[in-house]
Amino acid sequence: MTRNRLFGAVLILIIGASVVLGGLLGIAPKLDEIQAANTQRTAVLARNAQQEADLIVLKRDFAGIAELRTYLATLQGAVPVDAEIPEFLDEVGVIARQNGVTLNSLDISDAVAFLPEAVPATESAITAEAPTAAATDATVVAEASSPLTPENYLAVTVSLTIAGAHSNLFDFVAGLQHGQRSIAISTVQTDTGDGTAENTMSVVGTIYVLLDPSELAHAK
């Protein structure tokens, strides 16, 4: 009888161990699946948070797109992709009338390739042994760093003479410099006046033409 009880107890232990081990073997894959699902959920939440942040930035940028378009139109008017000489002449005429001066002559030269001004090399860049070579290297570096090259940028020289009151002549020059078309004034010559008598002034400047704006954007 004792042997039968002992055998029964051992049998119960064996059955219990089988049940426990079987349960563990069945639960382990489920635990792995749960852990994988949690990891994937965390990654999805992080990706969604990043997308929400990107969307906020896009909305903020889009809110100012009208201002950016206006600024782009201003830049395109200042340095157009075509010479637009007739439009420039009209603008000069308007500025002359606004400032009460007479436009006596206006000459437009042929467009030439834009040549960037050489940036002077610093003293540390120029050695006593090879000053010319060092200055040349500094100029090459300066030109290479600029997106404006003779291939995509043209310069057109403008020479004009105007007549009017002394103060009005300088008002005309100021209006020209702040007009829609960008112009770099290089020379201004006028006779001495008292502000009331009619005086004459000669002005020389340069307007610019952008040949390939897409190339310029990539260069930046």
Protein backbone atom coordinates (compact mmCIF):
# COMPACT_ATOMS: atom_id res chain seq x y z
CA MET A 1 0.00 0.00 0.00
CA THR A 2 2.87 2.29 0.80
CA ARG A 3 4.49 1.42 -2.50
CA ASN A 4 1.27 2.28 -4.38
CA ARG A 5 1.03 5.64 -2.62
CA LEU A 6 4.63 6.40 -3.38
CA PHE A 7 4.13 5.46 -7.04
CA GLY A 8 1.02 7.64 -7.20
CA ALA A 9 2.86 10.61 -5.70
CA VAL A 10 5.70 10.22 -8.19
CA LEU A 11 3.20 9.97 -11.01
CA ILE A 12 1.46 13.14 -9.84
CA LEU A 13 4.79 14.96 -9.71
CA ILE A 14 5.64 13.79 -13.20
CA ILE A 15 2.27 14.91 -14.54
CA GLY A 16 2.58 18.29 -12.76
CA ALA A 17 6.06 18.88 -14.08
CA SER A 18 4.89 18.03 -17.60
CA VAL A 19 2.04 20.49 -17.29
CA VAL A 20 4.29 23.25 -15.97
CA LEU A 21 7.00 22.67 -18.58
CA GLY A 22 4.42 22.48 -21.33
CA GLY A 23 2.92 25.76 -20.17
CA LEU A 24 6.28 27.46 -20.08
CA LEU A 25 7.14 26.20 -23.54
CA GLY A 26 3.82 27.51 -24.83
CA ILE A 27 4.09 30.89 -23.06
CA ALA A 28 7.69 31.69 -24.08
CA PRO A 29 6.89 32.32 -27.76
CA LYS A 30 3.98 34.52 -26.72
CA LEU A 31 6.26 36.56 -24.49
CA ASP A 32 8.66 37.00 -27.41
CA GLU A 33 5.79 38.14 -29.62
CA ILE A 34 4.67 40.63 -26.98
CA GLN A 35 8.19 42.03 -26.63
CA ALA A 36 8.55 42.34 -30.42
CA ALA A 37 5.17 44.06 -30.63
CA ASN A 38 6.16 46.52 -27.90
CA THR A 39 9.45 47.28 -29.69
CA GLN A 40 7.64 47.86 -32.96
CA ARG A 41 5.07 50.06 -31.22
CA THR A 42 7.82 52.20 -29.68
CA ALA A 43 9.47 52.62 -33.08
CA VAL A 44 6.15 53.59 -34.69
CA LEU A 45 5.44 56.14 -31.96
CA ALA A 46 8.90 57.67 -32.40
CA ARG A 47 8.42 57.85 -36.18
CA ASN A 48 5.01 59.45 -35.76
CA ALA A 49 6.45 62.03 -33.36
CA GLN A 50 9.17 62.91 -35.87
CA GLN A 51 6.62 63.21 -38.67
CA GLU A 52 4.47 65.48 -36.52
CA ALA A 53 7.49 67.69 -35.81
CA ASP A 54 8.33 67.81 -39.54
CA LEU A 55 4.72 68.69 -40.32
CA ILE A 56 4.84 71.59 -37.85
CA VAL A 57 7.99 72.91 -39.56
CA LEU A 58 6.40 72.56 -43.01
CA LYS A 59 3.27 74.40 -41.88
CA ARG A 60 5.38 77.20 -40.42
CA ASP A 61 7.44 77.48 -43.60
CA PHE A 62 4.34 77.41 -45.80
CA ALA A 63 2.81 80.20 -43.73
CA GLY A 64 5.61 82.49 -44.96
CA ILE A 65 5.62 81.32 -48.57
CA ALA A 66 3.84 84.46 -49.78
CA GLU A 67 6.57 86.63 -48.27
CA LEU A 68 9.25 84.42 -49.82
CA ARG A 69 7.60 84.67 -53.24
CA THR A 70 7.47 88.44 -52.94
CA TYR A 71 11.15 88.52 -52.00
CA LEU A 72 11.98 86.23 -54.94
CA ALA A 73 10.10 88.50 -57.33
CA THR A 74 12.08 91.47 -55.98
CA LEU A 75 15.37 89.66 -56.56
CA GLN A 76 14.32 88.62 -60.05
CA GLY A 77 13.46 92.22 -60.83
CA ALA A 78 16.78 93.46 -59.48
CA VAL A 79 18.83 90.93 -61.47
CA PRO A 80 16.62 89.49 -64.23
CA VAL A 81 17.34 86.47 -66.41
CA ASP A 82 17.15 88.75 -69.46
CA ALA A 83 18.73 92.16 -70.02
CA GLU A 84 15.27 93.82 -70.09
CA ILE A 85 16.76 97.09 -71.37
CA PRO A 86 13.39 98.67 -72.36
CA GLU A 87 12.07 98.12 -68.82
CA PHE A 88 15.25 99.62 -67.37
CA LEU A 89 14.96 102.69 -69.61
CA ASP A 90 11.36 103.17 -68.49
CA GLU A 91 12.46 102.99 -64.86
CA VAL A 92 15.22 105.56 -65.43
CA GLY A 93 12.69 107.89 -67.07
CA VAL A 94 10.31 107.57 -64.13
CA ILE A 95 13.07 108.28 -61.60
CA ALA A 96 14.17 111.33 -63.63
CA ARG A 97 10.63 112.76 -63.68
CA GLN A 98 10.12 112.07 -59.97
CA ASN A 99 13.23 114.06 -59.11
CA GLY A 100 12.73 116.89 -61.61
CA VAL A 101 15.81 116.26 -63.74
CA THR A 102 16.25 116.04 -67.50
CA LEU A 103 17.80 112.98 -69.04
CA ASN A 104 20.14 114.30 -71.75
CA SER A 105 21.76 111.05 -72.85
CA LEU A 106 21.86 107.39 -71.98
CA ASP A 107 24.21 104.81 -73.48
CA ILE A 108 23.98 101.07 -72.91
CA SER A 109 27.06 98.96 -73.65
CA ASP A 110 27.01 95.38 -74.87
CA ALA A 111 26.80 92.74 -72.16
CA VAL A 112 30.11 91.23 -71.13
CA ALA A 113 31.00 88.32 -68.88
CA PHE A 114 31.03 89.27 -65.22
CA LEU A 115 34.50 89.23 -63.66
CA PRO A 116 34.53 89.01 -59.86
CA GLU A 117 36.80 91.50 -58.16
CA ALA A 118 39.96 89.92 -56.83
CA VAL A 119 40.02 89.81 -53.05
CA PRO A 120 43.38 91.10 -51.77
CA ALA A 121 45.40 88.41 -50.04
CA THR A 122 46.19 88.96 -46.38
CA GLU A 123 49.73 89.59 -45.29
CA SER A 124 49.88 86.18 -43.64
CA ALA A 125 48.95 84.52 -46.92
CA ILE A 126 51.74 86.26 -48.85
CA THR A 127 55.25 85.13 -48.04
CA ALA A 128 58.40 87.04 -48.85
CA GLU A 129 59.63 84.18 -50.99
CA ALA A 130 56.64 83.99 -53.33
CA PRO A 131 54.31 87.01 -53.01
CA THR A 132 52.92 86.73 -56.55
CA ALA A 133 52.04 83.05 -56.25
CA ALA A 134 50.36 83.56 -52.87
CA ALA A 135 48.27 86.47 -54.15
CA THR A 136 47.23 84.40 -57.16
CA ASP A 137 46.19 81.49 -54.94
CA ALA A 138 44.10 83.82 -52.75
CA THR A 139 42.35 85.23 -55.82
CA VAL A 140 41.61 81.75 -57.17
CA VAL A 141 40.11 80.69 -53.85
CA ALA A 142 37.95 83.82 -53.70
CA GLU A 143 36.64 83.28 -57.22
CA ALA A 144 36.00 79.58 -56.63
CA SER A 145 33.92 80.35 -53.51
CA SER A 146 31.58 82.71 -55.39
CA PRO A 147 28.53 81.29 -57.21
CA LEU A 148 28.67 84.23 -59.63
CA THR A 149 30.84 83.29 -62.57
CA PRO A 150 31.38 84.59 -66.11
CA GLU A 151 29.31 81.62 -67.29
CA ASN A 152 26.11 82.59 -65.46
CA TYR A 153 26.44 86.32 -64.83
CA LEU A 154 26.70 89.25 -67.26
CA ALA A 155 27.52 92.90 -66.69
CA VAL A 156 26.11 95.80 -68.73
CA THR A 157 27.66 99.27 -68.42
CA VAL A 158 25.26 102.22 -68.33
CA SER A 159 26.44 105.80 -69.00
CA LEU A 160 24.05 108.72 -68.71
CA THR A 161 24.03 112.49 -68.34
CA ILE A 162 21.32 114.47 -66.58
CA ALA A 163 20.60 118.13 -65.92
CA GLY A 164 18.74 119.88 -63.13
CA ALA A 165 19.09 121.52 -59.75
CA HIS A 166 22.17 120.38 -57.87
CA SER A 167 20.24 118.67 -55.07
CA ASN A 168 17.86 117.03 -57.55
CA LEU A 169 20.77 115.42 -59.37
CA PHE A 170 21.88 113.60 -56.25
CA ASP A 171 18.29 112.70 -55.45
CA PHE A 172 18.13 111.10 -58.88
CA VAL A 173 21.27 109.05 -58.16
CA ALA A 174 19.82 107.92 -54.83
CA GLY A 175 16.56 106.94 -56.55
CA LEU A 176 18.51 105.03 -59.18
CA GLN A 177 20.38 103.07 -56.52
CA HIS A 178 17.16 102.21 -54.70
CA GLY A 179 15.16 101.39 -57.80
CA GLN A 180 13.81 98.02 -58.83
CA ARG A 181 16.81 97.22 -61.04
CA SER A 182 20.04 96.70 -59.16
CA ILE A 183 22.78 99.05 -60.37
CA ALA A 184 26.31 99.57 -59.08
CA ILE A 185 27.31 103.24 -59.48
CA SER A 186 31.03 103.56 -60.22
CA THR A 187 31.38 107.19 -61.35
CA VAL A 188 29.52 110.42 -60.56
CA GLN A 189 30.78 113.72 -61.97
CA THR A 190 29.01 117.07 -61.67
CA ASP A 191 29.81 120.74 -61.86
CA THR A 192 29.53 122.84 -58.70
CA GLY A 193 26.13 124.41 -58.19
CA ASP A 194 24.31 126.41 -55.55
CA GLY A 195 21.25 124.17 -55.45
CA THR A 196 19.05 126.36 -57.65
CA ALA A 197 20.76 126.82 -61.01
CA GLU A 198 20.68 124.03 -63.55
CA ASN A 199 23.71 121.78 -63.37
CA THR A 200 24.79 118.70 -65.26
CA MET A 201 25.93 115.32 -63.98
CA SER A 202 27.51 112.28 -65.61
CA VAL A 203 26.80 108.88 -64.08
CA VAL A 204 28.37 105.54 -64.94
CA GLY A 205 27.07 102.32 -63.45
CA THR A 206 26.62 98.62 -64.10
CA ILE A 207 23.49 96.50 -64.24
CA TYR A 208 23.57 92.72 -64.20
CA VAL A 209 21.93 89.78 -65.96
CA LEU A 210 21.61 86.28 -64.55
CA LEU A 211 21.93 83.67 -67.30
CA ASP A 212 21.19 80.43 -65.48
CA PRO A 213 19.45 80.80 -62.10
CA SER A 214 19.13 77.01 -61.63
CA GLU A 215 22.91 76.63 -61.92
CA LEU A 216 23.37 79.45 -59.43
CA ALA A 217 21.03 77.75 -56.94
CA HIS A 218 22.97 74.47 -57.20
CA ALA A 219 26.24 76.32 -56.72
CA LYS A 220 24.98 77.67 -53.44
